[in-house]
Amino acid sequence: QVQLVESGGGLVQPGGSLRLSCAASGGTLDYYVIGWFRQAPGKEREGVSCISSHDDSALYADSVQGRFTISRDNVKNTVYLQMNSLKPEDTAVYYCAAGAENQWLPRLWASGESNFDYWGQGTQVTVSS
């Protein structure tokens, strides 16, 4: 069973950058589609980005498009989320999750969290001056 551990969160000023990591054990991440999700206080968890297991194509939420970049390093069995130009509204607990890519990626992503079977514990990102 795949186990996921997120790291890299912290406190950053608006306009700053962070890189989150999602490290896997017990399985090989390149077999899975990997998603990053976040949950802000008082809000539902939302999808941020995902990366395909087939060709490394990626999807992003409109709110982070052009600021965040997802990537994977199969040698290190790790997926990254580079976050630039951070805004206070990016403050949330960020989770990575893994699932089987058994359908067209946009349809899988639009279907939500139910397609992701393995979840990390989350890492806090706080954007504040």
C-alpha atoms as a PDB file:
ATOM      1  CA  GLN A   1       0.000   0.000   0.000  1.00  0.00           C
ATOM      2  CA  VAL A   2       1.322   3.395  -0.964  1.00  0.00           C
ATOM      3  CA  GLN A   3       2.094   5.779   1.871  1.00  0.00           C
ATOM      4  CA  LEU A   4       2.454   9.477   1.126  1.00  0.00           C
ATOM      5  CA  VAL A   5       4.225  12.130   3.192  1.00  0.00           C
ATOM      6  CA  GLU A   6       4.006  15.833   2.386  1.00  0.00           C
ATOM      7  CA  SER A   7       6.643  18.363   3.394  1.00  0.00           C
ATOM      8  CA  GLY A   8       7.746  21.876   2.562  1.00  0.00           C
ATOM      9  CA  GLY A   9       4.937  23.895   4.052  1.00  0.00           C
ATOM     10  CA  GLY A  10       5.479  26.926   6.219  1.00  0.00           C
ATOM     11  CA  LEU A  11       4.914  30.621   6.676  1.00  0.00           C
ATOM     12  CA  VAL A  12       5.664  32.867   3.708  1.00  0.00           C
ATOM     13  CA  GLN A  13       4.934  36.485   2.851  1.00  0.00           C
ATOM     14  CA  PRO A  14       2.590  37.399   0.017  1.00  0.00           C
ATOM     15  CA  GLY A  15       4.428  37.181  -3.279  1.00  0.00           C
ATOM     16  CA  GLY A  16       6.790  34.554  -1.948  1.00  0.00           C
ATOM     17  CA  SER A  17       7.364  30.961  -3.007  1.00  0.00           C
ATOM     18  CA  LEU A  18       7.313  27.499  -1.521  1.00  0.00           C
ATOM     19  CA  ARG A  19       7.930  24.052  -2.926  1.00  0.00           C
ATOM     20  CA  LEU A  20       5.900  21.214  -1.497  1.00  0.00           C
ATOM     21  CA  SER A  21       7.075  17.627  -1.755  1.00  0.00           C
ATOM     22  CA  CYS A  22       5.059  14.430  -1.733  1.00  0.00           C
ATOM     23  CA  ALA A  23       7.277  11.436  -1.040  1.00  0.00           C
ATOM     24  CA  ALA A  24       6.023   7.897  -1.436  1.00  0.00           C
ATOM     25  CA  SER A  25       6.894   4.588   0.162  1.00  0.00           C
ATOM     26  CA  GLY A  26       5.436   1.142  -0.327  1.00  0.00           C
ATOM     27  CA  GLY A  27       4.798   1.765  -4.003  1.00  0.00           C
ATOM     28  CA  THR A  28       6.006   3.499  -7.140  1.00  0.00           C
ATOM     29  CA  LEU A  29       4.427   6.874  -7.785  1.00  0.00           C
ATOM     30  CA  ASP A  30       4.860   6.722 -11.542  1.00  0.00           C
ATOM     31  CA  TYR A  31       2.050   4.137 -11.655  1.00  0.00           C
ATOM     32  CA  TYR A  32      -0.411   6.679 -10.251  1.00  0.00           C
ATOM     33  CA  VAL A  33      -2.004   9.955 -11.103  1.00  0.00           C
ATOM     34  CA  ILE A  34      -1.004  12.338  -8.299  1.00  0.00           C
ATOM     35  CA  GLY A  35      -3.145  15.190  -7.132  1.00  0.00           C
ATOM     36  CA  TRP A  36      -2.589  18.094  -4.817  1.00  0.00           C
ATOM     37  CA  PHE A  37      -5.581  19.289  -2.815  1.00  0.00           C
ATOM     38  CA  ARG A  38      -5.991  21.976  -0.184  1.00  0.00           C
ATOM     39  CA  GLN A  39      -8.400  22.821   2.579  1.00  0.00           C
ATOM     40  CA  ALA A  40      -8.669  26.279   4.057  1.00  0.00           C
ATOM     41  CA  PRO A  41     -10.307  26.893   7.448  1.00  0.00           C
ATOM     42  CA  GLY A  42     -14.065  26.678   7.182  1.00  0.00           C
ATOM     43  CA  LYS A  43     -13.978  25.582   3.543  1.00  0.00           C
ATOM     44  CA  GLU A  44     -14.289  22.323   1.680  1.00  0.00           C
ATOM     45  CA  ARG A  45     -11.221  20.619   0.322  1.00  0.00           C
ATOM     46  CA  GLU A  46     -10.533  21.576  -3.279  1.00  0.00           C
ATOM     47  CA  GLY A  47      -8.349  20.253  -6.057  1.00  0.00           C
ATOM     48  CA  VAL A  48      -5.274  22.315  -6.882  1.00  0.00           C
ATOM     49  CA  SER A  49      -3.388  20.338  -9.508  1.00  0.00           C
ATOM     50  CA  CYS A  50      -2.788  16.839 -10.815  1.00  0.00           C
ATOM     51  CA  ILE A  51      -0.178  15.113 -12.961  1.00  0.00           C
ATOM     52  CA  SER A  52      -0.707  12.155 -15.236  1.00  0.00           C
ATOM     53  CA  SER A  53       1.076   8.835 -14.804  1.00  0.00           C
ATOM     54  CA  HIS A  54       1.178   8.349 -18.595  1.00  0.00           C
ATOM     55  CA  ASP A  55       2.801  11.467 -19.988  1.00  0.00           C
ATOM     56  CA  ASP A  56       3.253  13.956 -17.133  1.00  0.00           C
ATOM     57  CA  SER A  57       0.511  16.172 -18.495  1.00  0.00           C
ATOM     58  CA  ALA A  58      -0.926  18.388 -15.786  1.00  0.00           C
ATOM     59  CA  LEU A  59      -4.102  20.201 -14.858  1.00  0.00           C
ATOM     60  CA  TYR A  60      -4.541  23.193 -12.575  1.00  0.00           C
ATOM     61  CA  ALA A  61      -7.333  24.944 -10.791  1.00  0.00           C
ATOM     62  CA  ASP A  62      -8.082  28.352 -12.293  1.00  0.00           C
ATOM     63  CA  SER A  63      -7.068  30.015  -9.033  1.00  0.00           C
ATOM     64  CA  VAL A  64      -3.466  28.743  -9.293  1.00  0.00           C
ATOM     65  CA  GLN A  65      -2.975  28.553 -13.069  1.00  0.00           C
ATOM     66  CA  GLY A  66       0.242  30.312 -14.025  1.00  0.00           C
ATOM     67  CA  ARG A  67       1.516  30.451 -10.437  1.00  0.00           C
ATOM     68  CA  PHE A  68       1.818  26.779  -9.436  1.00  0.00           C
ATOM     69  CA  THR A  69       3.693  24.005 -11.231  1.00  0.00           C
ATOM     70  CA  ILE A  70       3.400  20.303 -10.546  1.00  0.00           C
ATOM     71  CA  SER A  71       6.195  17.904 -11.449  1.00  0.00           C
ATOM     72  CA  ARG A  72       7.403  14.444 -10.607  1.00  0.00           C
ATOM     73  CA  ASP A  73      10.823  12.845 -10.068  1.00  0.00           C
ATOM     74  CA  ASN A  74      10.389   9.124 -10.578  1.00  0.00           C
ATOM     75  CA  VAL A  75      13.914   8.365  -9.409  1.00  0.00           C
ATOM     76  CA  LYS A  76      13.187   9.996  -6.051  1.00  0.00           C
ATOM     77  CA  ASN A  77       9.591   8.698  -6.069  1.00  0.00           C
ATOM     78  CA  THR A  78       8.458  12.216  -5.262  1.00  0.00           C
ATOM     79  CA  VAL A  79       5.995  14.705  -6.693  1.00  0.00           C
ATOM     80  CA  TYR A  80       6.470  18.441  -6.220  1.00  0.00           C
ATOM     81  CA  LEU A  81       4.241  21.476  -6.203  1.00  0.00           C
ATOM     82  CA  GLN A  82       6.146  24.669  -6.886  1.00  0.00           C
ATOM     83  CA  MET A  83       4.081  27.605  -5.651  1.00  0.00           C
ATOM     84  CA  ASN A  84       5.034  31.106  -6.737  1.00  0.00           C
ATOM     85  CA  SER A  85       3.423  34.503  -6.251  1.00  0.00           C
ATOM     86  CA  LEU A  86       1.626  33.231  -3.212  1.00  0.00           C
ATOM     87  CA  LYS A  87      -1.450  35.043  -1.967  1.00  0.00           C
ATOM     88  CA  PRO A  88      -3.136  35.059   1.448  1.00  0.00           C
ATOM     89  CA  GLU A  89      -5.997  33.085  -0.094  1.00  0.00           C
ATOM     90  CA  ASP A  90      -3.569  30.231  -0.759  1.00  0.00           C
ATOM     91  CA  THR A  91      -3.401  29.632   2.986  1.00  0.00           C
ATOM     92  CA  ALA A  92      -4.545  26.070   3.631  1.00  0.00           C
ATOM     93  CA  VAL A  93      -3.499  22.575   4.547  1.00  0.00           C
ATOM     94  CA  TYR A  94      -2.154  20.971   1.383  1.00  0.00           C
ATOM     95  CA  TYR A  95      -2.573  17.246   0.749  1.00  0.00           C
ATOM     96  CA  CYS A  96      -1.200  14.987  -1.921  1.00  0.00           C
ATOM     97  CA  ALA A  97      -3.102  11.936  -3.076  1.00  0.00           C
ATOM     98  CA  ALA A  98      -2.572   9.031  -5.464  1.00  0.00           C
ATOM     99  CA  GLY A  99      -5.012   7.155  -7.626  1.00  0.00           C
ATOM    100  CA  ALA A 100      -5.252   4.837 -10.591  1.00  0.00           C
ATOM    101  CA  GLU A 101      -5.405   6.671 -13.892  1.00  0.00           C
ATOM    102  CA  ASN A 102      -8.176   4.588 -15.369  1.00  0.00           C
ATOM    103  CA  GLN A 103      -9.868   7.296 -17.427  1.00  0.00           C
ATOM    104  CA  TRP A 104      -9.154  10.431 -19.398  1.00  0.00           C
ATOM    105  CA  LEU A 105      -7.350  12.786 -17.040  1.00  0.00           C
ATOM    106  CA  PRO A 106      -9.705  15.797 -17.318  1.00  0.00           C
ATOM    107  CA  ARG A 107     -12.690  13.559 -16.577  1.00  0.00           C
ATOM    108  CA  LEU A 108     -10.893  11.929 -13.669  1.00  0.00           C
ATOM    109  CA  TRP A 109      -9.949  15.314 -12.229  1.00  0.00           C
ATOM    110  CA  ALA A 110     -13.441  16.719 -12.657  1.00  0.00           C
ATOM    111  CA  SER A 111     -14.876  13.723 -10.803  1.00  0.00           C
ATOM    112  CA  GLY A 112     -13.096  14.789  -7.638  1.00  0.00           C
ATOM    113  CA  GLU A 113     -11.516  13.119  -4.665  1.00  0.00           C
ATOM    114  CA  SER A 114     -13.236   9.752  -5.053  1.00  0.00           C
ATOM    115  CA  ASN A 115     -10.682   8.750  -7.686  1.00  0.00           C
ATOM    116  CA  PHE A 116      -7.807   9.072  -5.228  1.00  0.00           C
ATOM    117  CA  ASP A 117      -7.224   6.136  -2.913  1.00  0.00           C
ATOM    118  CA  TYR A 118      -4.118   7.112  -0.971  1.00  0.00           C
ATOM    119  CA  TRP A 119      -3.678  10.343   0.980  1.00  0.00           C
ATOM    120  CA  GLY A 120      -0.970  12.023   2.963  1.00  0.00           C
ATOM    121  CA  GLN A 121      -1.476  13.776   6.292  1.00  0.00           C
ATOM    122  CA  GLY A 122      -1.089  17.266   4.888  1.00  0.00           C
ATOM    123  CA  THR A 123       1.260  20.191   5.319  1.00  0.00           C
ATOM    124  CA  GLN A 124       0.264  23.679   6.431  1.00  0.00           C
ATOM    125  CA  VAL A 125       0.896  26.639   4.141  1.00  0.00           C
ATOM    126  CA  THR A 126       0.322  30.096   5.596  1.00  0.00           C
ATOM    127  CA  VAL A 127       0.671  33.213   3.463  1.00  0.00           C
ATOM    128  CA  SER A 128       0.738  36.295   5.613  1.00  0.00           C
ATOM    129  CA  SER A 129       2.698  39.475   6.165  1.00  0.00           C
END
